[in-house]
Amino acid sequence: MLAALALAAAQALSPAATAFVDDATARLLAGEELAPDFPVRLQALPPDQRLMVIVYLRRAGFLSDVVMPVDWVISPASPALEPEPEDHE
């Protein structure tokens, strides 16, 4: 019982990963594709969270023809890129 509880806790999604899954689910139900910046958003997640989101996306049918290198999947999280400010001269 304790091992099952520990496993369930270890598989819990972070708020950022949950937000990604929720967005993907809404897009799936609306018949839309993933946002174009989804790789950047995925890269901002820790590797364990990234892998769980990738599994969800594959099961949902989003990544059926996308190849993701293992090195990229297990690489450390990198901060999401902020849009560069526009110069208004």
N, C-alpha and C. Protein backbone atom coordinates (compact mmCIF):
# COMPACT_ATOMS: atom_id res chain seq x y z
N MET A 1 0.83 -1.19 0.00
CA MET A 1 0.00 0.00 0.00
C MET A 1 0.87 1.25 0.00
N LEU A 2 1.90 1.25 0.84
CA LEU A 2 2.78 2.42 0.91
C LEU A 2 3.54 2.60 -0.39
N ALA A 3 3.95 1.50 -1.02
CA ALA A 3 4.65 1.60 -2.29
C ALA A 3 3.74 2.19 -3.37
N ALA A 4 2.47 1.82 -3.37
CA ALA A 4 1.52 2.36 -4.34
C ALA A 4 1.31 3.86 -4.12
N LEU A 5 1.27 4.27 -2.86
CA LEU A 5 1.10 5.69 -2.55
C LEU A 5 2.32 6.49 -3.00
N ALA A 6 3.51 5.94 -2.75
CA ALA A 6 4.74 6.62 -3.18
C ALA A 6 4.80 6.73 -4.70
N LEU A 7 4.39 5.67 -5.39
CA LEU A 7 4.37 5.69 -6.85
C LEU A 7 3.39 6.74 -7.36
N ALA A 8 2.22 6.81 -6.77
CA ALA A 8 1.23 7.80 -7.19
C ALA A 8 1.74 9.22 -6.96
N ALA A 9 2.40 9.45 -5.83
CA ALA A 9 2.92 10.78 -5.53
C ALA A 9 4.04 11.15 -6.50
N ALA A 10 4.85 10.17 -6.87
CA ALA A 10 5.96 10.43 -7.79
C ALA A 10 5.46 10.76 -9.20
N GLN A 11 4.28 10.28 -9.54
CA GLN A 11 3.75 10.51 -10.87
C GLN A 11 2.86 11.74 -10.96
N ALA A 12 2.72 12.47 -9.88
CA ALA A 12 1.88 13.66 -9.90
C ALA A 12 2.49 14.72 -10.81
N LEU A 13 1.65 15.37 -11.54
CA LEU A 13 2.13 16.41 -12.45
C LEU A 13 2.28 17.74 -11.72
N SER A 14 3.29 18.47 -12.09
CA SER A 14 3.49 19.81 -11.54
C SER A 14 2.41 20.73 -12.11
N PRO A 15 2.22 21.90 -11.51
CA PRO A 15 1.24 22.84 -12.06
C PRO A 15 1.53 23.21 -13.52
N ALA A 16 2.80 23.39 -13.87
CA ALA A 16 3.13 23.75 -15.26
C ALA A 16 2.79 22.60 -16.21
N ALA A 17 3.09 21.36 -15.80
CA ALA A 17 2.77 20.21 -16.65
C ALA A 17 1.26 20.02 -16.75
N THR A 18 0.55 20.24 -15.65
CA THR A 18 -0.90 20.13 -15.67
C THR A 18 -1.51 21.18 -16.61
N ALA A 19 -0.97 22.40 -16.57
CA ALA A 19 -1.45 23.45 -17.47
C ALA A 19 -1.22 23.06 -18.93
N PHE A 20 -0.07 22.44 -19.22
CA PHE A 20 0.24 22.01 -20.58
C PHE A 20 -0.77 20.94 -21.02
N VAL A 21 -1.02 19.97 -20.15
CA VAL A 21 -1.97 18.89 -20.47
C VAL A 21 -3.37 19.45 -20.65
N ASP A 22 -3.78 20.38 -19.78
CA ASP A 22 -5.11 20.98 -19.90
C ASP A 22 -5.26 21.73 -21.23
N ASP A 23 -4.21 22.47 -21.62
CA ASP A 23 -4.24 23.20 -22.89
C ASP A 23 -4.32 22.22 -24.05
N ALA A 24 -3.54 21.15 -23.99
CA ALA A 24 -3.56 20.15 -25.07
C ALA A 24 -4.93 19.48 -25.15
N THR A 25 -5.53 19.19 -24.02
CA THR A 25 -6.85 18.57 -24.01
C THR A 25 -7.89 19.49 -24.63
N ALA A 26 -7.85 20.77 -24.26
CA ALA A 26 -8.79 21.74 -24.84
C ALA A 26 -8.60 21.84 -26.35
N ARG A 27 -7.35 21.84 -26.80
CA ARG A 27 -7.08 21.90 -28.24
C ARG A 27 -7.56 20.64 -28.93
N LEU A 28 -7.38 19.48 -28.31
CA LEU A 28 -7.83 18.22 -28.88
C LEU A 28 -9.35 18.23 -29.05
N LEU A 29 -10.06 18.67 -28.01
CA LEU A 29 -11.52 18.70 -28.08
C LEU A 29 -12.02 19.71 -29.11
N ALA A 30 -11.25 20.77 -29.34
CA ALA A 30 -11.63 21.77 -30.33
C ALA A 30 -11.17 21.40 -31.74
N GLY A 31 -10.45 20.29 -31.86
CA GLY A 31 -9.98 19.86 -33.17
C GLY A 31 -8.78 20.66 -33.66
N GLU A 32 -8.04 21.25 -32.75
CA GLU A 32 -6.89 22.07 -33.11
C GLU A 32 -5.59 21.30 -32.92
N GLU A 33 -4.53 21.85 -33.49
CA GLU A 33 -3.19 21.31 -33.30
C GLU A 33 -2.58 21.93 -32.05
N LEU A 34 -1.45 21.38 -31.64
CA LEU A 34 -0.71 21.98 -30.52
C LEU A 34 -0.20 23.36 -30.92
N ALA A 35 0.03 24.20 -29.93
CA ALA A 35 0.59 25.52 -30.19
C ALA A 35 1.96 25.35 -30.85
N PRO A 36 2.33 26.25 -31.76
CA PRO A 36 3.61 26.12 -32.45
C PRO A 36 4.82 26.13 -31.51
N ASP A 37 4.67 26.75 -30.35
CA ASP A 37 5.80 26.83 -29.41
C ASP A 37 5.83 25.68 -28.41
N PHE A 38 5.10 24.59 -28.69
CA PHE A 38 5.04 23.52 -27.70
C PHE A 38 6.39 22.92 -27.35
N PRO A 39 7.37 22.80 -28.28
CA PRO A 39 8.67 22.26 -27.86
C PRO A 39 9.38 23.16 -26.83
N VAL A 40 9.24 24.47 -27.00
CA VAL A 40 9.87 25.40 -26.06
C VAL A 40 9.22 25.27 -24.69
N ARG A 41 7.90 25.18 -24.68
CA ARG A 41 7.17 25.02 -23.41
C ARG A 41 7.50 23.69 -22.75
N LEU A 42 7.65 22.64 -23.55
CA LEU A 42 8.02 21.33 -22.99
C LEU A 42 9.43 21.38 -22.40
N GLN A 43 10.34 22.06 -23.08
CA GLN A 43 11.73 22.12 -22.63
C GLN A 43 11.84 22.83 -21.29
N ALA A 44 10.89 23.67 -20.95
CA ALA A 44 10.92 24.38 -19.67
C ALA A 44 10.54 23.47 -18.50
N LEU A 45 9.97 22.30 -18.79
CA LEU A 45 9.58 21.36 -17.74
C LEU A 45 10.78 20.50 -17.33
N PRO A 46 10.82 20.07 -16.07
CA PRO A 46 11.86 19.10 -15.68
C PRO A 46 11.68 17.81 -16.49
N PRO A 47 12.76 17.06 -16.68
CA PRO A 47 12.70 15.87 -17.54
C PRO A 47 11.60 14.86 -17.16
N ASP A 48 11.39 14.62 -15.87
CA ASP A 48 10.36 13.64 -15.49
C ASP A 48 8.97 14.14 -15.87
N GLN A 49 8.73 15.42 -15.68
CA GLN A 49 7.44 16.00 -16.05
C GLN A 49 7.28 16.05 -17.56
N ARG A 50 8.35 16.40 -18.26
CA ARG A 50 8.35 16.46 -19.72
C ARG A 50 7.98 15.09 -20.30
N LEU A 51 8.58 14.05 -19.75
CA LEU A 51 8.31 12.70 -20.26
C LEU A 51 6.85 12.31 -20.05
N MET A 52 6.30 12.64 -18.88
CA MET A 52 4.89 12.30 -18.64
C MET A 52 3.96 13.06 -19.58
N VAL A 53 4.29 14.32 -19.86
CA VAL A 53 3.47 15.10 -20.79
C VAL A 53 3.60 14.53 -22.20
N ILE A 54 4.80 14.14 -22.60
CA ILE A 54 5.00 13.55 -23.93
C ILE A 54 4.20 12.26 -24.06
N VAL A 55 4.19 11.44 -23.03
CA VAL A 55 3.40 10.21 -23.06
C VAL A 55 1.92 10.55 -23.25
N TYR A 56 1.43 11.55 -22.51
CA TYR A 56 0.04 11.97 -22.66
C TYR A 56 -0.23 12.43 -24.09
N LEU A 57 0.65 13.28 -24.62
CA LEU A 57 0.45 13.81 -25.97
C LEU A 57 0.45 12.70 -27.01
N ARG A 58 1.33 11.72 -26.85
CA ARG A 58 1.35 10.60 -27.80
C ARG A 58 0.07 9.78 -27.71
N ARG A 59 -0.39 9.52 -26.49
CA ARG A 59 -1.63 8.75 -26.33
C ARG A 59 -2.83 9.51 -26.86
N ALA A 60 -2.77 10.84 -26.80
CA ALA A 60 -3.87 11.66 -27.33
C ALA A 60 -3.80 11.78 -28.85
N GLY A 61 -2.70 11.34 -29.45
CA GLY A 61 -2.57 11.35 -30.90
C GLY A 61 -1.87 12.56 -31.48
N PHE A 62 -1.36 13.44 -30.60
CA PHE A 62 -0.70 14.64 -31.10
C PHE A 62 0.67 14.37 -31.69
N LEU A 63 1.44 13.48 -31.13
CA LEU A 63 2.83 13.30 -31.54
C LEU A 63 3.06 11.99 -32.26
N SER A 64 2.07 11.53 -32.98
CA SER A 64 2.20 10.23 -33.64
C SER A 64 3.28 10.21 -34.71
N ASP A 65 3.57 11.35 -35.32
CA ASP A 65 4.60 11.38 -36.37
C ASP A 65 5.78 12.26 -36.01
N VAL A 66 5.94 12.59 -34.73
CA VAL A 66 7.03 13.45 -34.27
C VAL A 66 8.09 12.59 -33.59
N VAL A 67 9.35 12.79 -33.97
CA VAL A 67 10.46 12.08 -33.34
C VAL A 67 11.12 13.04 -32.36
N MET A 68 11.26 12.61 -31.12
CA MET A 68 11.92 13.42 -30.10
C MET A 68 13.15 12.67 -29.62
N PRO A 69 14.33 13.24 -29.84
CA PRO A 69 15.56 12.57 -29.42
C PRO A 69 15.59 12.37 -27.90
N VAL A 70 16.10 11.24 -27.48
CA VAL A 70 16.17 10.93 -26.06
C VAL A 70 16.99 11.98 -25.31
N ASP A 71 18.07 12.45 -25.92
CA ASP A 71 18.89 13.48 -25.27
C ASP A 71 18.07 14.72 -24.97
N TRP A 72 17.18 15.09 -25.85
CA TRP A 72 16.33 16.26 -25.63
C TRP A 72 15.31 15.99 -24.52
N VAL A 73 14.73 14.80 -24.54
CA VAL A 73 13.70 14.46 -23.56
C VAL A 73 14.27 14.47 -22.14
N ILE A 74 15.50 13.97 -21.96
CA ILE A 74 16.05 13.86 -20.61
C ILE A 74 16.98 15.01 -20.23
N SER A 75 17.12 16.01 -21.12
CA SER A 75 17.99 17.14 -20.79
C SER A 75 17.37 17.99 -19.68
N PRO A 76 18.20 18.71 -18.92
CA PRO A 76 17.67 19.55 -17.84
C PRO A 76 16.72 20.61 -18.40
N ALA A 77 15.82 21.06 -17.54
CA ALA A 77 14.87 22.09 -17.95
C ALA A 77 15.61 23.37 -18.28
N SER A 78 15.11 24.04 -19.28
CA SER A 78 15.66 25.35 -19.62
C SER A 78 14.52 26.35 -19.50
N PRO A 79 14.83 27.57 -19.10
CA PRO A 79 13.75 28.54 -18.93
C PRO A 79 13.04 28.82 -20.25
N ALA A 80 11.75 29.02 -20.15
CA ALA A 80 10.98 29.35 -21.35
C ALA A 80 11.46 30.69 -21.88
N LEU A 81 11.56 30.77 -23.18
CA LEU A 81 12.03 32.01 -23.80
C LEU A 81 10.95 33.08 -23.70
N GLU A 82 11.36 34.23 -23.25
CA GLU A 82 10.45 35.37 -23.18
C GLU A 82 10.47 36.06 -24.54
N PRO A 83 9.33 36.55 -25.00
CA PRO A 83 9.36 37.29 -26.26
C PRO A 83 10.20 38.55 -26.11
N GLU A 84 10.98 38.83 -27.14
CA GLU A 84 11.83 40.02 -27.08
C GLU A 84 10.97 41.26 -27.20
N PRO A 85 11.28 42.28 -26.38
CA PRO A 85 10.49 43.51 -26.46
C PRO A 85 10.70 44.21 -27.81
N GLU A 86 9.63 44.78 -28.30
CA GLU A 86 9.71 45.48 -29.58
C GLU A 86 10.17 46.91 -29.32
N ASP A 87 11.01 47.41 -30.20
CA ASP A 87 11.46 48.79 -30.09
C ASP A 87 10.42 49.70 -30.72
N HIS A 88 9.93 50.63 -29.94
CA HIS A 88 8.98 51.62 -30.45
C HIS A 88 9.66 52.96 -30.46
N GLU A 89 10.33 53.27 -31.56
CA GLU A 89 11.07 54.52 -31.63
C GLU A 89 10.24 55.60 -32.25
